[in-house]
Protein backbone atom coordinates (compact mmCIF):
# COMPACT_ATOMS: atom_id res chain seq x y z
CA UNK A 1 0.00 0.00 0.00
CA UNK A 2 2.82 2.43 0.89
CA UNK A 3 6.24 2.45 -0.73
CA UNK A 4 8.10 4.13 2.08
CA UNK A 5 7.76 5.86 5.42
CA UNK A 6 7.74 9.20 3.61
CA UNK A 7 4.66 8.14 1.61
CA UNK A 8 2.91 7.14 4.81
CA UNK A 9 3.68 10.48 6.47
CA UNK A 10 2.79 12.50 3.38
CA UNK A 11 -0.58 10.76 3.12
CA UNK A 12 -1.28 11.59 6.77
CA UNK A 13 -1.14 15.35 6.29
CA UNK A 14 -3.67 16.96 3.95
CA UNK A 15 -3.83 20.73 3.23
CA UNK A 16 -6.62 21.11 5.81
CA UNK A 17 -4.33 19.51 8.42
CA UNK A 18 -1.48 21.94 7.69
CA UNK A 19 -3.86 24.91 7.84
CA UNK A 20 -5.20 23.68 11.19
CA UNK A 21 -1.70 23.10 12.57
CA UNK A 22 -0.56 26.61 11.63
CA UNK A 23 -3.66 28.39 12.96
CA UNK A 24 -3.84 26.45 16.23
CA UNK A 25 -0.10 26.84 16.83
CA UNK A 26 -0.29 30.56 16.23
CA UNK A 27 -3.19 30.97 18.64
CA UNK A 28 -1.53 28.79 21.30
CA UNK A 29 1.79 30.62 21.04
CA UNK A 30 0.16 34.04 21.25
CA UNK A 31 -1.80 33.06 24.35
CA UNK A 32 1.25 31.64 26.17
CA UNK A 33 2.89 33.88 28.78
CA UNK A 34 5.78 31.71 30.04
CA UNK A 35 7.81 28.76 28.77
CA UNK A 36 6.38 26.25 31.31
CA UNK A 37 3.01 26.59 29.54
CA UNK A 38 4.47 25.13 26.36
CA UNK A 39 3.48 21.45 26.92
CA UNK A 40 -0.03 22.46 27.94
CA UNK A 41 -0.43 24.70 24.91
CA UNK A 42 0.72 21.91 22.59
CA UNK A 43 -1.59 19.38 24.26
CA UNK A 44 -4.61 21.67 23.99
CA UNK A 45 -3.83 22.51 20.35
CA UNK A 46 -3.49 18.79 19.58
CA UNK A 47 -6.80 18.03 21.32
CA UNK A 48 -8.56 20.74 19.32
CA UNK A 49 -6.90 19.34 16.18
CA UNK A 50 -8.31 15.91 16.98
CA UNK A 51 -11.84 17.20 17.61
CA UNK A 52 -12.10 19.87 14.87
CA UNK A 53 -12.76 17.50 11.94
CA UNK A 54 -15.72 16.01 13.80
CA UNK A 55 -17.39 19.39 14.24
CA UNK A 56 -16.48 20.47 10.71
CA UNK A 57 -18.08 17.42 9.13
CA UNK A 58 -21.05 17.55 11.47
CA UNK A 59 -21.69 21.19 10.52
CA UNK A 60 -21.65 20.30 6.82
CA UNK A 61 -24.52 17.84 7.24
CA UNK A 62 -22.78 14.54 7.90
CA UNK A 63 -24.51 12.61 10.72
CA UNK A 64 -22.59 12.63 14.04
CA UNK A 65 -21.76 8.91 14.00
CA UNK A 66 -20.15 9.11 10.55
CA UNK A 67 -18.43 12.40 11.40
CA UNK A 68 -16.88 10.74 14.47
CA UNK A 69 -15.71 7.79 12.37
CA UNK A 70 -14.04 10.17 9.91
CA UNK A 71 -12.37 12.16 12.70
CA UNK A 72 -11.01 9.06 14.45
CA UNK A 73 -9.87 7.41 11.22
CA UNK A 74 -7.96 10.58 10.32
CA UNK A 75 -5.73 10.02 13.32
CA UNK A 76 -5.69 6.24 13.18
CA UNK A 77 -5.58 5.12 9.55
CA UNK A 78 -1.94 6.02 8.97
CA UNK A 79 -0.64 4.43 12.14
CA UNK A 80 0.68 5.89 15.36
CA UNK A 81 3.62 7.61 13.70
CA UNK A 82 1.39 10.29 12.18
CA UNK A 83 -0.23 11.02 15.54
CA UNK A 84 3.18 11.35 17.19
CA UNK A 85 4.43 13.52 14.33
CA UNK A 86 1.39 15.80 14.72
CA UNK A 87 2.15 16.33 18.40
CA UNK A 88 5.86 16.89 17.66
CA UNK A 89 4.99 19.41 14.94
CA UNK A 90 2.78 21.28 17.41
CA UNK A 91 5.63 21.43 19.93
CA UNK A 92 8.11 22.71 17.34
CA UNK A 93 5.83 25.28 15.68
CA UNK A 94 4.49 26.66 18.97
CA UNK A 95 8.03 26.87 20.33
CA UNK A 96 9.30 28.75 17.29
CA UNK A 97 6.40 31.20 17.28
CA UNK A 98 6.65 31.81 21.02
CA UNK A 99 10.43 32.27 20.85
CA UNK A 100 9.97 34.76 17.99
CA UNK A 101 7.30 36.60 19.94
CA UNK A 102 9.51 36.87 23.02
CA UNK A 103 12.58 37.81 21.01
CA UNK A 104 11.06 40.63 19.00
CA UNK A 105 8.55 41.98 21.49
CA UNK A 106 11.37 43.41 23.63
CA UNK A 107 12.61 45.76 20.91
C-alpha atoms as a PDB file:
ATOM      1  CA  UNK A   1       0.000   0.000   0.000  1.00  0.00           C
ATOM      2  CA  UNK A   2       2.820   2.431   0.889  1.00  0.00           C
ATOM      3  CA  UNK A   3       6.236   2.446  -0.729  1.00  0.00           C
ATOM      4  CA  UNK A   4       8.098   4.130   2.078  1.00  0.00           C
ATOM      5  CA  UNK A   5       7.758   5.858   5.425  1.00  0.00           C
ATOM      6  CA  UNK A   6       7.741   9.202   3.610  1.00  0.00           C
ATOM      7  CA  UNK A   7       4.656   8.143   1.614  1.00  0.00           C
ATOM      8  CA  UNK A   8       2.908   7.144   4.813  1.00  0.00           C
ATOM      9  CA  UNK A   9       3.677  10.476   6.470  1.00  0.00           C
ATOM     10  CA  UNK A  10       2.787  12.501   3.377  1.00  0.00           C
ATOM     11  CA  UNK A  11      -0.583  10.757   3.123  1.00  0.00           C
ATOM     12  CA  UNK A  12      -1.280  11.586   6.774  1.00  0.00           C
ATOM     13  CA  UNK A  13      -1.143  15.353   6.287  1.00  0.00           C
ATOM     14  CA  UNK A  14      -3.674  16.961   3.952  1.00  0.00           C
ATOM     15  CA  UNK A  15      -3.827  20.732   3.229  1.00  0.00           C
ATOM     16  CA  UNK A  16      -6.616  21.106   5.809  1.00  0.00           C
ATOM     17  CA  UNK A  17      -4.325  19.512   8.420  1.00  0.00           C
ATOM     18  CA  UNK A  18      -1.482  21.938   7.693  1.00  0.00           C
ATOM     19  CA  UNK A  19      -3.856  24.907   7.844  1.00  0.00           C
ATOM     20  CA  UNK A  20      -5.198  23.683  11.186  1.00  0.00           C
ATOM     21  CA  UNK A  21      -1.697  23.103  12.572  1.00  0.00           C
ATOM     22  CA  UNK A  22      -0.559  26.606  11.632  1.00  0.00           C
ATOM     23  CA  UNK A  23      -3.655  28.385  12.955  1.00  0.00           C
ATOM     24  CA  UNK A  24      -3.842  26.449  16.232  1.00  0.00           C
ATOM     25  CA  UNK A  25      -0.100  26.836  16.831  1.00  0.00           C
ATOM     26  CA  UNK A  26      -0.294  30.556  16.229  1.00  0.00           C
ATOM     27  CA  UNK A  27      -3.193  30.972  18.644  1.00  0.00           C
ATOM     28  CA  UNK A  28      -1.532  28.792  21.296  1.00  0.00           C
ATOM     29  CA  UNK A  29       1.794  30.625  21.043  1.00  0.00           C
ATOM     30  CA  UNK A  30       0.162  34.042  21.253  1.00  0.00           C
ATOM     31  CA  UNK A  31      -1.803  33.057  24.352  1.00  0.00           C
ATOM     32  CA  UNK A  32       1.247  31.643  26.174  1.00  0.00           C
ATOM     33  CA  UNK A  33       2.886  33.878  28.781  1.00  0.00           C
ATOM     34  CA  UNK A  34       5.783  31.710  30.035  1.00  0.00           C
ATOM     35  CA  UNK A  35       7.813  28.756  28.770  1.00  0.00           C
ATOM     36  CA  UNK A  36       6.383  26.253  31.310  1.00  0.00           C
ATOM     37  CA  UNK A  37       3.010  26.594  29.544  1.00  0.00           C
ATOM     38  CA  UNK A  38       4.474  25.129  26.356  1.00  0.00           C
ATOM     39  CA  UNK A  39       3.478  21.446  26.921  1.00  0.00           C
ATOM     40  CA  UNK A  40      -0.032  22.456  27.941  1.00  0.00           C
ATOM     41  CA  UNK A  41      -0.433  24.696  24.912  1.00  0.00           C
ATOM     42  CA  UNK A  42       0.723  21.906  22.586  1.00  0.00           C
ATOM     43  CA  UNK A  43      -1.590  19.381  24.257  1.00  0.00           C
ATOM     44  CA  UNK A  44      -4.612  21.666  23.990  1.00  0.00           C
ATOM     45  CA  UNK A  45      -3.828  22.505  20.355  1.00  0.00           C
ATOM     46  CA  UNK A  46      -3.486  18.788  19.579  1.00  0.00           C
ATOM     47  CA  UNK A  47      -6.804  18.030  21.319  1.00  0.00           C
ATOM     48  CA  UNK A  48      -8.559  20.744  19.316  1.00  0.00           C
ATOM     49  CA  UNK A  49      -6.898  19.337  16.181  1.00  0.00           C
ATOM     50  CA  UNK A  50      -8.307  15.906  16.983  1.00  0.00           C
ATOM     51  CA  UNK A  51     -11.842  17.200  17.613  1.00  0.00           C
ATOM     52  CA  UNK A  52     -12.097  19.874  14.872  1.00  0.00           C
ATOM     53  CA  UNK A  53     -12.761  17.502  11.937  1.00  0.00           C
ATOM     54  CA  UNK A  54     -15.725  16.011  13.800  1.00  0.00           C
ATOM     55  CA  UNK A  55     -17.392  19.391  14.244  1.00  0.00           C
ATOM     56  CA  UNK A  56     -16.476  20.469  10.707  1.00  0.00           C
ATOM     57  CA  UNK A  57     -18.084  17.424   9.131  1.00  0.00           C
ATOM     58  CA  UNK A  58     -21.048  17.549  11.474  1.00  0.00           C
ATOM     59  CA  UNK A  59     -21.694  21.193  10.519  1.00  0.00           C
ATOM     60  CA  UNK A  60     -21.648  20.304   6.816  1.00  0.00           C
ATOM     61  CA  UNK A  61     -24.516  17.843   7.237  1.00  0.00           C
ATOM     62  CA  UNK A  62     -22.776  14.537   7.901  1.00  0.00           C
ATOM     63  CA  UNK A  63     -24.514  12.610  10.719  1.00  0.00           C
ATOM     64  CA  UNK A  64     -22.586  12.634  14.038  1.00  0.00           C
ATOM     65  CA  UNK A  65     -21.756   8.911  13.999  1.00  0.00           C
ATOM     66  CA  UNK A  66     -20.151   9.108  10.553  1.00  0.00           C
ATOM     67  CA  UNK A  67     -18.425  12.396  11.404  1.00  0.00           C
ATOM     68  CA  UNK A  68     -16.876  10.743  14.472  1.00  0.00           C
ATOM     69  CA  UNK A  69     -15.711   7.787  12.370  1.00  0.00           C
ATOM     70  CA  UNK A  70     -14.035  10.170   9.913  1.00  0.00           C
ATOM     71  CA  UNK A  71     -12.371  12.164  12.695  1.00  0.00           C
ATOM     72  CA  UNK A  72     -11.013   9.061  14.449  1.00  0.00           C
ATOM     73  CA  UNK A  73      -9.873   7.406  11.222  1.00  0.00           C
ATOM     74  CA  UNK A  74      -7.964  10.580  10.321  1.00  0.00           C
ATOM     75  CA  UNK A  75      -5.727  10.023  13.318  1.00  0.00           C
ATOM     76  CA  UNK A  76      -5.693   6.236  13.183  1.00  0.00           C
ATOM     77  CA  UNK A  77      -5.582   5.125   9.552  1.00  0.00           C
ATOM     78  CA  UNK A  78      -1.936   6.021   8.970  1.00  0.00           C
ATOM     79  CA  UNK A  79      -0.638   4.434  12.137  1.00  0.00           C
ATOM     80  CA  UNK A  80       0.684   5.888  15.356  1.00  0.00           C
ATOM     81  CA  UNK A  81       3.616   7.607  13.699  1.00  0.00           C
ATOM     82  CA  UNK A  82       1.385  10.294  12.179  1.00  0.00           C
ATOM     83  CA  UNK A  83      -0.231  11.022  15.543  1.00  0.00           C
ATOM     84  CA  UNK A  84       3.180  11.354  17.193  1.00  0.00           C
ATOM     85  CA  UNK A  85       4.429  13.518  14.328  1.00  0.00           C
ATOM     86  CA  UNK A  86       1.393  15.801  14.718  1.00  0.00           C
ATOM     87  CA  UNK A  87       2.154  16.328  18.400  1.00  0.00           C
ATOM     88  CA  UNK A  88       5.858  16.892  17.657  1.00  0.00           C
ATOM     89  CA  UNK A  89       4.992  19.412  14.945  1.00  0.00           C
ATOM     90  CA  UNK A  90       2.779  21.284  17.407  1.00  0.00           C
ATOM     91  CA  UNK A  91       5.629  21.430  19.925  1.00  0.00           C
ATOM     92  CA  UNK A  92       8.107  22.711  17.342  1.00  0.00           C
ATOM     93  CA  UNK A  93       5.834  25.281  15.677  1.00  0.00           C
ATOM     94  CA  UNK A  94       4.490  26.660  18.968  1.00  0.00           C
ATOM     95  CA  UNK A  95       8.032  26.869  20.334  1.00  0.00           C
ATOM     96  CA  UNK A  96       9.304  28.747  17.290  1.00  0.00           C
ATOM     97  CA  UNK A  97       6.399  31.196  17.276  1.00  0.00           C
ATOM     98  CA  UNK A  98       6.654  31.811  21.017  1.00  0.00           C
ATOM     99  CA  UNK A  99      10.428  32.269  20.848  1.00  0.00           C
ATOM    100  CA  UNK A 100       9.968  34.757  17.992  1.00  0.00           C
ATOM    101  CA  UNK A 101       7.302  36.605  19.938  1.00  0.00           C
ATOM    102  CA  UNK A 102       9.508  36.871  23.019  1.00  0.00           C
ATOM    103  CA  UNK A 103      12.583  37.810  21.013  1.00  0.00           C
ATOM    104  CA  UNK A 104      11.064  40.634  18.997  1.00  0.00           C
ATOM    105  CA  UNK A 105       8.549  41.976  21.493  1.00  0.00           C
ATOM    106  CA  UNK A 106      11.372  43.413  23.629  1.00  0.00           C
ATOM    107  CA  UNK A 107      12.614  45.760  20.912  1.00  0.00           C
END
